Amino acid sequence: MNAFEVWNTIQKRNYEFEIHTVPKNNQQPLWFAVIPAGDTLIIKPATFQKPSVKISKERKISFKEFERVHVFYDRWSVGEPGVRKEASYVSKNTAYIFALIARFEAKIKVSNR
């Protein structure tokens, strides 16, 4: 899927929702809240699910940032070494963006069948 399709699917959710990170090691997934807000996504600690991410203030993700990280997703998802580090040079929100792509790209594939 391309970044624009995934972004639009997320933005269609006109409400706050919680999802978790997708660690590729033995770490426990952490939950976070996502709020689609116009041309950005707002990320904040989860309210209902635990354990939650620990961030001191809300983070905003633009489509441009989302798109820059999206190009690394396929390589990361198959476990290519060093990709996570490469992507982290592009954005400090890589873990959140990868989690969103993992969740919503799967939804798009299912709905296109």
PDB file of N, CA and C in Angstrom:
ATOM      1  N   MET A   1       0.846  -1.179   0.000  1.00  0.00           N
ATOM      2  CA  MET A   1       0.000   0.000   0.000  1.00  0.00           C
ATOM      3  C   MET A   1       0.892   1.244   0.000  1.00  0.00           C
ATOM      4  N   ASN A   2       0.359   2.305  -0.536  1.00  0.00           N
ATOM      5  CA  ASN A   2       1.158   3.523  -0.502  1.00  0.00           C
ATOM      6  C   ASN A   2       0.786   4.356   0.726  1.00  0.00           C
ATOM      7  N   ALA A   3       1.655   5.278   1.046  1.00  0.00           N
ATOM      8  CA  ALA A   3       1.494   6.090   2.259  1.00  0.00           C
ATOM      9  C   ALA A   3       0.177   6.865   2.251  1.00  0.00           C
ATOM     10  N   PHE A   4      -0.217   7.371   1.107  1.00  0.00           N
ATOM     11  CA  PHE A   4      -1.427   8.181   1.015  1.00  0.00           C
ATOM     12  C   PHE A   4      -2.678   7.360   1.361  1.00  0.00           C
ATOM     13  N   GLU A   5      -2.749   6.128   0.869  1.00  0.00           N
ATOM     14  CA  GLU A   5      -3.906   5.266   1.171  1.00  0.00           C
ATOM     15  C   GLU A   5      -3.994   4.969   2.667  1.00  0.00           C
ATOM     16  N   VAL A   6      -2.859   4.640   3.251  1.00  0.00           N
ATOM     17  CA  VAL A   6      -2.840   4.320   4.682  1.00  0.00           C
ATOM     18  C   VAL A   6      -3.215   5.560   5.496  1.00  0.00           C
ATOM     19  N   TRP A   7      -2.624   6.694   5.162  1.00  0.00           N
ATOM     20  CA  TRP A   7      -2.914   7.952   5.854  1.00  0.00           C
ATOM     21  C   TRP A   7      -4.413   8.269   5.800  1.00  0.00           C
ATOM     22  N   ASN A   8      -5.007   8.155   4.619  1.00  0.00           N
ATOM     23  CA  ASN A   8      -6.434   8.464   4.468  1.00  0.00           C
ATOM     24  C   ASN A   8      -7.308   7.514   5.274  1.00  0.00           C
ATOM     25  N   THR A   9      -6.930   6.258   5.345  1.00  0.00           N
ATOM     26  CA  THR A   9      -7.680   5.299   6.142  1.00  0.00           C
ATOM     27  C   THR A   9      -7.645   5.677   7.617  1.00  0.00           C
ATOM     28  N   ILE A  10      -6.487   6.102   8.075  1.00  0.00           N
ATOM     29  CA  ILE A  10      -6.362   6.536   9.476  1.00  0.00           C
ATOM     30  C   ILE A  10      -7.189   7.801   9.706  1.00  0.00           C
ATOM     31  N   GLN A  11      -7.082   8.772   8.812  1.00  0.00           N
ATOM     32  CA  GLN A  11      -7.788  10.041   8.959  1.00  0.00           C
ATOM     33  C   GLN A  11      -9.311   9.877   8.931  1.00  0.00           C
ATOM     34  N   LYS A  12      -9.799   8.831   8.270  1.00  0.00           N
ATOM     35  CA  LYS A  12     -11.243   8.594   8.229  1.00  0.00           C
ATOM     36  C   LYS A  12     -11.806   8.259   9.600  1.00  0.00           C
ATOM     37  N   ARG A  13     -10.943   7.798  10.478  1.00  0.00           N
ATOM     38  CA  ARG A  13     -11.362   7.564  11.862  1.00  0.00           C
ATOM     39  C   ARG A  13     -11.443   8.928  12.505  1.00  0.00           C
ATOM     40  N   ASN A  14     -12.574   9.425  12.645  1.00  0.00           N
ATOM     41  CA  ASN A  14     -12.779  10.782  13.132  1.00  0.00           C
ATOM     42  C   ASN A  14     -12.841  10.847  14.649  1.00  0.00           C
ATOM     43  N   TYR A  15     -12.129   9.955  15.318  1.00  0.00           N
ATOM     44  CA  TYR A  15     -12.190   9.878  16.771  1.00  0.00           C
ATOM     45  C   TYR A  15     -10.875   9.328  17.321  1.00  0.00           C
ATOM     46  N   GLU A  16     -10.662   9.542  18.585  1.00  0.00           N
ATOM     47  CA  GLU A  16      -9.466   9.047  19.263  1.00  0.00           C
ATOM     48  C   GLU A  16      -9.550   7.528  19.408  1.00  0.00           C
ATOM     49  N   PHE A  17      -8.428   6.856  19.186  1.00  0.00           N
ATOM     50  CA  PHE A  17      -8.365   5.411  19.371  1.00  0.00           C
ATOM     51  C   PHE A  17      -6.980   5.030  19.904  1.00  0.00           C
ATOM     52  N   GLU A  18      -6.889   3.835  20.460  1.00  0.00           N
ATOM     53  CA  GLU A  18      -5.625   3.373  21.035  1.00  0.00           C
ATOM     54  C   GLU A  18      -5.126   2.136  20.299  1.00  0.00           C
ATOM     55  N   ILE A  19      -3.828   2.115  20.031  1.00  0.00           N
ATOM     56  CA  ILE A  19      -3.166   0.951  19.437  1.00  0.00           C
ATOM     57  C   ILE A  19      -1.826   0.780  20.148  1.00  0.00           C
ATOM     58  N   HIS A  20      -1.142  -0.308  19.842  1.00  0.00           N
ATOM     59  CA  HIS A  20       0.145  -0.535  20.496  1.00  0.00           C
ATOM     60  C   HIS A  20       1.284  -0.598  19.493  1.00  0.00           C
ATOM     61  N   THR A  21       2.476  -0.388  20.009  1.00  0.00           N
ATOM     62  CA  THR A  21       3.681  -0.484  19.194  1.00  0.00           C
ATOM     63  C   THR A  21       3.878  -1.931  18.764  1.00  0.00           C
ATOM     64  N   VAL A  22       4.773  -2.137  17.798  1.00  0.00           N
ATOM     65  CA  VAL A  22       5.041  -3.463  17.259  1.00  0.00           C
ATOM     66  C   VAL A  22       6.547  -3.729  17.367  1.00  0.00           C
ATOM     67  N   PRO A  23       7.002  -4.074  18.570  1.00  0.00           N
ATOM     68  CA  PRO A  23       8.440  -4.303  18.742  1.00  0.00           C
ATOM     69  C   PRO A  23       8.909  -5.543  17.975  1.00  0.00           C
ATOM     70  N   LYS A  24      10.118  -5.494  17.453  1.00  0.00           N
ATOM     71  CA  LYS A  24      10.705  -6.629  16.733  1.00  0.00           C
ATOM     72  C   LYS A  24      11.668  -7.407  17.628  1.00  0.00           C
ATOM     73  N   ASN A  25      11.701  -7.062  18.906  1.00  0.00           N
ATOM     74  CA  ASN A  25      12.534  -7.801  19.858  1.00  0.00           C
ATOM     75  C   ASN A  25      11.609  -8.340  20.949  1.00  0.00           C
ATOM     76  N   ASN A  26      12.133  -8.692  22.070  1.00  0.00           N
ATOM     77  CA  ASN A  26      11.308  -9.279  23.122  1.00  0.00           C
ATOM     78  C   ASN A  26      10.635  -8.258  24.033  1.00  0.00           C
ATOM     79  N   GLN A  27      10.680  -6.993  23.675  1.00  0.00           N
ATOM     80  CA  GLN A  27      10.042  -5.975  24.501  1.00  0.00           C
ATOM     81  C   GLN A  27       8.520  -6.097  24.443  1.00  0.00           C
ATOM     82  N   GLN A  28       7.896  -5.665  25.523  1.00  0.00           N
ATOM     83  CA  GLN A  28       6.438  -5.663  25.588  1.00  0.00           C
ATOM     84  C   GLN A  28       5.896  -4.488  24.756  1.00  0.00           C
ATOM     85  N   PRO A  29       4.847  -4.712  23.962  1.00  0.00           N
ATOM     86  CA  PRO A  29       4.243  -3.599  23.217  1.00  0.00           C
ATOM     87  C   PRO A  29       3.712  -2.541  24.183  1.00  0.00           C
ATOM     88  N   LEU A  30       3.818  -1.282  23.777  1.00  0.00           N
ATOM     89  CA  LEU A  30       3.305  -0.171  24.575  1.00  0.00           C
ATOM     90  C   LEU A  30       2.140   0.460  23.824  1.00  0.00           C
ATOM     91  N   TRP A  31       1.116   0.839  24.579  1.00  0.00           N
ATOM     92  CA  TRP A  31      -0.090   1.427  24.000  1.00  0.00           C
ATOM     93  C   TRP A  31       0.024   2.943  23.907  1.00  0.00           C
ATOM     94  N   PHE A  32      -0.620   3.502  22.888  1.00  0.00           N
ATOM     95  CA  PHE A  32      -0.680   4.953  22.734  1.00  0.00           C
ATOM     96  C   PHE A  32      -1.997   5.326  22.076  1.00  0.00           C
ATOM     97  N   ALA A  33      -2.400   6.563  22.298  1.00  0.00           N
ATOM     98  CA  ALA A  33      -3.640   7.082  21.710  1.00  0.00           C
ATOM     99  C   ALA A  33      -3.302   7.884  20.465  1.00  0.00           C
ATOM    100  N   VAL A  34      -4.191   7.811  19.489  1.00  0.00           N
ATOM    101  CA  VAL A  34      -4.052   8.543  18.232  1.00  0.00           C
ATOM    102  C   VAL A  34      -5.308   9.368  18.031  1.00  0.00           C
ATOM    103  N   ILE A  35      -5.113  10.639  17.710  1.00  0.00           N
ATOM    104  CA  ILE A  35      -6.249  11.525  17.440  1.00  0.00           C
ATOM    105  C   ILE A  35      -6.055  12.137  16.053  1.00  0.00           C
ATOM    106  N   PRO A  36      -6.862  11.726  15.054  1.00  0.00           N
ATOM    107  CA  PRO A  36      -6.797  12.401  13.760  1.00  0.00           C
ATOM    108  C   PRO A  36      -7.296  13.839  13.933  1.00  0.00           C
ATOM    109  N   ALA A  37      -6.490  14.778  13.531  1.00  0.00           N
ATOM    110  CA  ALA A  37      -6.835  16.193  13.740  1.00  0.00           C
ATOM    111  C   ALA A  37      -6.470  17.002  12.498  1.00  0.00           C
ATOM    112  N   GLY A  38      -7.397  17.065  11.576  1.00  0.00           N
ATOM    113  CA  GLY A  38      -7.147  17.838  10.360  1.00  0.00           C
ATOM    114  C   GLY A  38      -6.047  17.203   9.540  1.00  0.00           C
ATOM    115  N   ASP A  39      -4.955  17.937   9.349  1.00  0.00           N
ATOM    116  CA  ASP A  39      -3.863  17.426   8.525  1.00  0.00           C
ATOM    117  C   ASP A  39      -2.741  16.805   9.357  1.00  0.00           C
ATOM    118  N   THR A  40      -3.019  16.478  10.621  1.00  0.00           N
ATOM    119  CA  THR A  40      -2.027  15.834  11.477  1.00  0.00           C
ATOM    120  C   THR A  40      -2.648  14.685  12.263  1.00  0.00           C
ATOM    121  N   LEU A  41      -1.773  13.894  12.842  1.00  0.00           N
ATOM    122  CA  LEU A  41      -2.181  12.891  13.824  1.00  0.00           C
ATOM    123  C   LEU A  41      -1.534  13.302  15.134  1.00  0.00           C
ATOM    124  N   ILE A  42      -2.294  13.292  16.193  1.00  0.00           N
ATOM    125  CA  ILE A  42      -1.753  13.622  17.514  1.00  0.00           C
ATOM    126  C   ILE A  42      -1.563  12.309  18.263  1.00  0.00           C
ATOM    127  N   ILE A  43      -0.381  12.150  18.834  1.00  0.00           N
ATOM    128  CA  ILE A  43      -0.023  10.953  19.595  1.00  0.00           C
ATOM    129  C   ILE A  43       0.113  11.350  21.054  1.00  0.00           C
ATOM    130  N   LYS A  44      -0.491  10.559  21.932  1.00  0.00           N
ATOM    131  CA  LYS A  44      -0.374  10.820  23.362  1.00  0.00           C
ATOM    132  C   LYS A  44      -0.434   9.480  24.106  1.00  0.00           C
ATOM    133  N   PRO A  45      -0.101   9.465  25.396  1.00  0.00           N
ATOM    134  CA  PRO A  45      -0.171   8.203  26.145  1.00  0.00           C
ATOM    135  C   PRO A  45      -1.591   7.641  26.142  1.00  0.00           C
ATOM    136  N   ALA A  46      -1.689   6.324  26.183  1.00  0.00           N
ATOM    137  CA  ALA A  46      -2.992   5.659  26.226  1.00  0.00           C
ATOM    138  C   ALA A  46      -3.680   5.935  27.555  1.00  0.00           C
ATOM    139  N   THR A  47      -4.983   6.017  27.518  1.00  0.00           N
ATOM    140  CA  THR A  47      -5.783   6.235  28.722  1.00  0.00           C
ATOM    141  C   THR A  47      -6.291   4.915  29.289  1.00  0.00           C
ATOM    142  N   PHE A  48      -6.704   4.005  28.416  1.00  0.00           N
ATOM    143  CA  PHE A  48      -7.378   2.784  28.853  1.00  0.00           C
ATOM    144  C   PHE A  48      -6.482   1.551  28.852  1.00  0.00           C
ATOM    145  N   GLN A  49      -5.640   1.414  27.859  1.00  0.00           N
ATOM    146  CA  GLN A  49      -4.797   0.225  27.728  1.00  0.00           C
ATOM    147  C   GLN A  49      -3.464   0.419  28.450  1.00  0.00           C
ATOM    148  N   LYS A  50      -2.936  -0.659  28.975  1.00  0.00           N
ATOM    149  CA  LYS A  50      -1.655  -0.615  29.692  1.00  0.00           C
ATOM    150  C   LYS A  50      -0.784  -1.761  29.214  1.00  0.00           C
ATOM    151  N   PRO A  51       0.526  -1.616  29.240  1.00  0.00           N
ATOM    152  CA  PRO A  51       1.281  -0.434  29.623  1.00  0.00           C
ATOM    153  C   PRO A  51       1.264   0.612  28.508  1.00  0.00           C
ATOM    154  N   SER A  52       1.310   1.842  28.923  1.00  0.00           N
ATOM    155  CA  SER A  52       1.243   2.969  27.999  1.00  0.00           C
ATOM    156  C   SER A  52       2.642   3.533  27.747  1.00  0.00           C
ATOM    157  N   VAL A  53       2.789   4.184  26.599  1.00  0.00           N
ATOM    158  CA  VAL A  53       4.041   4.894  26.329  1.00  0.00           C
ATOM    159  C   VAL A  53       4.194   6.022  27.344  1.00  0.00           C
ATOM    160  N   LYS A  54       5.408   6.405  27.577  1.00  0.00           N
ATOM    161  CA  LYS A  54       5.676   7.513  28.490  1.00  0.00           C
ATOM    162  C   LYS A  54       6.276   8.657  27.682  1.00  0.00           C
ATOM    163  N   ILE A  55       5.424   9.580  27.308  1.00  0.00           N
ATOM    164  CA  ILE A  55       5.892  10.786  26.620  1.00  0.00           C
ATOM    165  C   ILE A  55       5.375  11.982  27.404  1.00  0.00           C
ATOM    166  N   SER A  56       6.213  12.994  27.516  1.00  0.00           N
ATOM    167  CA  SER A  56       5.878  14.130  28.372  1.00  0.00           C
ATOM    168  C   SER A  56       4.859  15.081  27.736  1.00  0.00           C
ATOM    169  N   LYS A  57       4.815  15.121  26.416  1.00  0.00           N
ATOM    170  CA  LYS A  57       3.830  15.983  25.759  1.00  0.00           C
ATOM    171  C   LYS A  57       3.360  15.314  24.475  1.00  0.00           C
ATOM    172  N   GLU A  58       2.222  15.742  24.002  1.00  0.00           N
ATOM    173  CA  GLU A  58       1.663  15.194  22.774  1.00  0.00           C
ATOM    174  C   GLU A  58       2.626  15.405  21.613  1.00  0.00           C
ATOM    175  N   ARG A  59       2.621  14.462  20.695  1.00  0.00           N
ATOM    176  CA  ARG A  59       3.431  14.593  19.480  1.00  0.00           C
ATOM    177  C   ARG A  59       2.500  14.728  18.294  1.00  0.00           C
ATOM    178  N   LYS A  60       2.934  15.490  17.319  1.00  0.00           N
ATOM    179  CA  LYS A  60       2.132  15.666  16.106  1.00  0.00           C
ATOM    180  C   LYS A  60       2.894  15.063  14.932  1.00  0.00           C
ATOM    181  N   ILE A  61       2.159  14.331  14.120  1.00  0.00           N
ATOM    182  CA  ILE A  61       2.735  13.710  12.934  1.00  0.00           C
ATOM    183  C   ILE A  61       2.015  14.271  11.709  1.00  0.00           C
ATOM    184  N   SER A  62       2.778  14.825  10.796  1.00  0.00           N
ATOM    185  CA  SER A  62       2.215  15.336   9.540  1.00  0.00           C
ATOM    186  C   SER A  62       2.254  14.222   8.494  1.00  0.00           C
ATOM    187  N   PHE A  63       1.529  14.423   7.407  1.00  0.00           N
ATOM    188  CA  PHE A  63       1.579  13.447   6.330  1.00  0.00           C
ATOM    189  C   PHE A  63       2.995  13.349   5.772  1.00  0.00           C
ATOM    190  N   LYS A  64       3.659  14.462   5.657  1.00  0.00           N
ATOM    191  CA  LYS A  64       5.022  14.466   5.110  1.00  0.00           C
ATOM    192  C   LYS A  64       5.946  13.564   5.943  1.00  0.00           C
ATOM    193  N   GLU A  65       5.872  13.683   7.260  1.00  0.00           N
ATOM    194  CA  GLU A  65       6.679  12.841   8.147  1.00  0.00           C
ATOM    195  C   GLU A  65       6.253  11.376   8.012  1.00  0.00           C
ATOM    196  N   PHE A  66       4.958  11.133   7.985  1.00  0.00           N
ATOM    197  CA  PHE A  66       4.413   9.788   7.828  1.00  0.00           C
ATOM    198  C   PHE A  66       4.944   9.156   6.537  1.00  0.00           C
ATOM    199  N   GLU A  67       4.914   9.908   5.471  1.00  0.00           N
ATOM    200  CA  GLU A  67       5.355   9.425   4.164  1.00  0.00           C
ATOM    201  C   GLU A  67       6.857   9.107   4.162  1.00  0.00           C
ATOM    202  N   ARG A  68       7.646   9.947   4.818  1.00  0.00           N
ATOM    203  CA  ARG A  68       9.098   9.711   4.881  1.00  0.00           C
ATOM    204  C   ARG A  68       9.425   8.419   5.617  1.00  0.00           C
ATOM    205  N   VAL A  69       8.662   8.096   6.651  1.00  0.00           N
ATOM    206  CA  VAL A  69       8.891   6.868   7.412  1.00  0.00           C
ATOM    207  C   VAL A  69       8.292   5.663   6.681  1.00  0.00           C
ATOM    208  N   HIS A  70       7.198   5.852   5.999  1.00  0.00           N
ATOM    209  CA  HIS A  70       6.523   4.761   5.293  1.00  0.00           C
ATOM    210  C   HIS A  70       7.467   4.032   4.335  1.00  0.00           C
ATOM    211  N   VAL A  71       8.382   4.725   3.703  1.00  0.00           N
ATOM    212  CA  VAL A  71       9.285   4.086   2.734  1.00  0.00           C
ATOM    213  C   VAL A  71      10.170   3.010   3.385  1.00  0.00           C
ATOM    214  N   PHE A  72      10.346   3.064   4.698  1.00  0.00           N
ATOM    215  CA  PHE A  72      11.161   2.081   5.405  1.00  0.00           C
ATOM    216  C   PHE A  72      10.345   0.881   5.888  1.00  0.00           C
ATOM    217  N   TYR A  73       9.042   0.991   5.897  1.00  0.00           N
ATOM    218  CA  TYR A  73       8.189   0.001   6.557  1.00  0.00           C
ATOM    219  C   TYR A  73       8.368  -1.422   6.029  1.00  0.00           C
ATOM    220  N   ASP A  74       8.313  -1.621   4.736  1.00  0.00           N
ATOM    221  CA  ASP A  74       8.409  -2.978   4.195  1.00  0.00           C
ATOM    222  C   ASP A  74       9.725  -3.642   4.587  1.00  0.00           C
ATOM    223  N   ARG A  75      10.806  -2.903   4.515  1.00  0.00           N
ATOM    224  CA  ARG A  75      12.112  -3.448   4.903  1.00  0.00           C
ATOM    225  C   ARG A  75      12.141  -3.774   6.389  1.00  0.00           C
ATOM    226  N   TRP A  76      11.553  -2.908   7.201  1.00  0.00           N
ATOM    227  CA  TRP A  76      11.504  -3.134   8.645  1.00  0.00           C
ATOM    228  C   TRP A  76      10.635  -4.346   8.975  1.00  0.00           C
ATOM    229  N   SER A  77       9.493  -4.461   8.315  1.00  0.00           N
ATOM    230  CA  SER A  77       8.544  -5.528   8.641  1.00  0.00           C
ATOM    231  C   SER A  77       9.086  -6.921   8.339  1.00  0.00           C
ATOM    232  N   VAL A  78      10.030  -7.037   7.422  1.00  0.00           N
ATOM    233  CA  VAL A  78      10.630  -8.343   7.139  1.00  0.00           C
ATOM    234  C   VAL A  78      11.906  -8.568   7.951  1.00  0.00           C
ATOM    235  N   GLY A  79      12.224  -7.609   8.820  1.00  0.00           N
ATOM    236  CA  GLY A  79      13.346  -7.791   9.737  1.00  0.00           C
ATOM    237  C   GLY A  79      14.712  -7.430   9.197  1.00  0.00           C
ATOM    238  N   GLU A  80      14.767  -6.584   8.188  1.00  0.00           N
ATOM    239  CA  GLU A  80      16.072  -6.179   7.656  1.00  0.00           C
ATOM    240  C   GLU A  80      16.863  -5.440   8.735  1.00  0.00           C
ATOM    241  N   PRO A  81      18.075  -5.881   9.022  1.00  0.00           N
ATOM    242  CA  PRO A  81      18.878  -5.249  10.076  1.00  0.00           C
ATOM    243  C   PRO A  81      19.187  -3.783   9.764  1.00  0.00           C
ATOM    244  N   GLY A  82      19.131  -2.950  10.792  1.00  0.00           N
ATOM    245  CA  GLY A  82      19.524  -1.552  10.682  1.00  0.00           C
ATOM    246  C   GLY A  82      18.471  -0.600  10.142  1.00  0.00           C
ATOM    247  N   VAL A  83      17.347  -1.123   9.679  1.00  0.00           N
ATOM    248  CA  VAL A  83      16.331  -0.259   9.072  1.00  0.00           C
ATOM    249  C   VAL A  83      15.688   0.650  10.108  1.00  0.00           C
ATOM    250  N   ARG A  84      15.428   0.125  11.288  1.00  0.00           N
ATOM    251  CA  ARG A  84      14.801   0.935  12.350  1.00  0.00           C
ATOM    252  C   ARG A  84      15.675   2.140  12.680  1.00  0.00           C
ATOM    253  N   LYS A  85      16.967   1.915  12.747  1.00  0.00           N
ATOM    254  CA  LYS A  85      17.898   3.005  13.041  1.00  0.00           C
ATOM    255  C   LYS A  85      17.904   4.023  11.901  1.00  0.00           C
ATOM    256  N   GLU A  86      17.913   3.536  10.675  1.00  0.00           N
ATOM    257  CA  GLU A  86      17.864   4.408   9.505  1.00  0.00           C
ATOM    258  C   GLU A  86      16.612   5.290   9.547  1.00  0.00           C
ATOM    259  N   ALA A  87      15.475   4.661   9.825  1.00  0.00           N
ATOM    260  CA  ALA A  87      14.203   5.379   9.863  1.00  0.00           C
ATOM    261  C   ALA A  87      14.178   6.395  10.999  1.00  0.00           C
ATOM    262  N   SER A  88      14.848   6.082  12.098  1.00  0.00           N
ATOM    263  CA  SER A  88      14.831   6.998  13.240  1.00  0.00           C
ATOM    264  C   SER A  88      15.586   8.298  12.949  1.00  0.00           C
ATOM    265  N   TYR A  89      16.443   8.297  11.944  1.00  0.00           N
ATOM    266  CA  TYR A  89      17.091   9.545  11.529  1.00  0.00           C
ATOM    267  C   TYR A  89      16.085  10.470  10.846  1.00  0.00           C
ATOM    268  N   VAL A  90      15.044   9.892  10.283  1.00  0.00           N
ATOM    269  CA  VAL A  90      14.022  10.637   9.560  1.00  0.00           C
ATOM    270  C   VAL A  90      12.969  11.189  10.512  1.00  0.00           C
ATOM    271  N   SER A  91      12.664  10.422  11.585  1.00  0.00           N
ATOM    272  CA  SER A  91      11.598  10.831  12.501  1.00  0.00           C
ATOM    273  C   SER A  91      11.791  10.210  13.877  1.00  0.00           C
ATOM    274  N   LYS A  92      11.497  10.993  14.901  1.00  0.00           N
ATOM    275  CA  LYS A  92      11.514  10.461  16.267  1.00  0.00           C
ATOM    276  C   LYS A  92      10.224   9.692  16.569  1.00  0.00           C
ATOM    277  N   ASN A  93       9.288   9.715  15.638  1.00  0.00           N
ATOM    278  CA  ASN A  93       7.989   9.047  15.809  1.00  0.00           C
ATOM    279  C   ASN A  93       7.883   7.734  15.046  1.00  0.00           C
ATOM    280  N   THR A  94       9.018   7.158  14.702  1.00  0.00           N
ATOM    281  CA  THR A  94       9.040   5.949  13.889  1.00  0.00           C
ATOM    282  C   THR A  94       8.215   4.815  14.493  1.00  0.00           C
ATOM    283  N   ALA A  95       8.342   4.557  15.776  1.00  0.00           N
ATOM    284  CA  ALA A  95       7.606   3.449  16.405  1.00  0.00           C
ATOM    285  C   ALA A  95       6.096   3.641  16.262  1.00  0.00           C
ATOM    286  N   TYR A  96       5.627   4.874  16.406  1.00  0.00           N
ATOM    287  CA  TYR A  96       4.190   5.151  16.280  1.00  0.00           C
ATOM    288  C   TYR A  96       3.734   4.987  14.829  1.00  0.00           C
ATOM    289  N   ILE A  97       4.536   5.479  13.912  1.00  0.00           N
ATOM    290  CA  ILE A  97       4.176   5.398  12.496  1.00  0.00           C
ATOM    291  C   ILE A  97       4.185   3.944  12.025  1.00  0.00           C
ATOM    292  N   PHE A  98       5.198   3.179  12.404  1.00  0.00           N
ATOM    293  CA  PHE A  98       5.233   1.762  12.036  1.00  0.00           C
ATOM    294  C   PHE A  98       4.015   1.021  12.595  1.00  0.00           C
ATOM    295  N   ALA A  99       3.638   1.320  13.821  1.00  0.00           N
ATOM    296  CA  ALA A  99       2.464   0.672  14.423  1.00  0.00           C
ATOM    297  C   ALA A  99       1.195   1.024  13.643  1.00  0.00           C
ATOM    298  N   LEU A 100       1.057   2.275  13.261  1.00  0.00           N
ATOM    299  CA  LEU A 100      -0.115   2.698  12.490  1.00  0.00           C
ATOM    300  C   LEU A 100      -0.154   2.016  11.129  1.00  0.00           C
ATOM    301  N   ILE A 101       0.982   1.947  10.472  1.00  0.00           N
ATOM    302  CA  ILE A 101       1.025   1.292   9.161  1.00  0.00           C
ATOM    303  C   ILE A 101       0.667  -0.186   9.311  1.00  0.00           C
ATOM    304  N   ALA A 102       1.256  -0.847  10.303  1.00  0.00           N
ATOM    305  CA  ALA A 102       0.981  -2.276  10.515  1.00  0.00           C
ATOM    306  C   ALA A 102      -0.513  -2.514  10.714  1.00  0.00           C
ATOM    307  N   ARG A 103      -1.141  -1.681  11.479  1.00  0.00           N
ATOM    308  CA  ARG A 103      -2.571  -1.845  11.784  1.00  0.00           C
ATOM    309  C   ARG A 103      -3.463  -1.527  10.591  1.00  0.00           C
ATOM    310  N   PHE A 104      -3.202  -0.414   9.936  1.00  0.00           N
ATOM    311  CA  PHE A 104      -4.130   0.048   8.905  1.00  0.00           C
ATOM    312  C   PHE A 104      -3.820  -0.487   7.516  1.00  0.00           C
ATOM    313  N   GLU A 105      -2.592  -0.842   7.245  1.00  0.00           N
ATOM    314  CA  GLU A 105      -2.299  -1.459   5.954  1.00  0.00           C
ATOM    315  C   GLU A 105      -2.993  -2.820   5.875  1.00  0.00           C
ATOM    316  N   ALA A 106      -3.010  -3.532   6.969  1.00  0.00           N
ATOM    317  CA  ALA A 106      -3.710  -4.819   7.017  1.00  0.00           C
ATOM    318  C   ALA A 106      -5.207  -4.628   6.777  1.00  0.00           C
ATOM    319  N   LYS A 107      -5.791  -3.583   7.343  1.00  0.00           N
ATOM    320  CA  LYS A 107      -7.218  -3.298   7.155  1.00  0.00           C
ATOM    321  C   LYS A 107      -7.521  -2.996   5.683  1.00  0.00           C
ATOM    322  N   ILE A 108      -6.626  -2.262   5.025  1.00  0.00           N
ATOM    323  CA  ILE A 108      -6.836  -1.925   3.623  1.00  0.00           C
ATOM    324  C   ILE A 108      -6.786  -3.179   2.766  1.00  0.00           C
ATOM    325  N   LYS A 109      -5.817  -4.066   3.045  1.00  0.00           N
ATOM    326  CA  LYS A 109      -5.698  -5.304   2.280  1.00  0.00           C
ATOM    327  C   LYS A 109      -6.944  -6.158   2.428  1.00  0.00           C
ATOM    328  N   VAL A 110      -7.480  -6.268   3.631  1.00  0.00           N
ATOM    329  CA  VAL A 110      -8.682  -7.060   3.888  1.00  0.00           C
ATOM    330  C   VAL A 110      -9.885  -6.465   3.148  1.00  0.00           C
ATOM    331  N   SER A 111     -10.022  -5.150   3.193  1.00  0.00           N
ATOM    332  CA  SER A 111     -11.181  -4.509   2.555  1.00  0.00           C
ATOM    333  C   SER A 111     -11.097  -4.544   1.021  1.00  0.00           C
ATOM    334  N   ASN A 112      -9.904  -4.729   0.471  1.00  0.00           N
ATOM    335  CA  ASN A 112      -9.745  -4.792  -0.980  1.00  0.00           C
ATOM    336  C   ASN A 112      -9.953  -6.199  -1.547  1.00  0.00           C
ATOM    337  N   ARG A 113     -10.153  -7.183  -0.693  1.00  0.00           N
ATOM    338  CA  ARG A 113     -10.352  -8.565  -1.173  1.00  0.00           C
ATOM    339  C   ARG A 113     -11.717  -8.766  -1.731  1.00  0.00           C
TER     340      ARG A 113
END
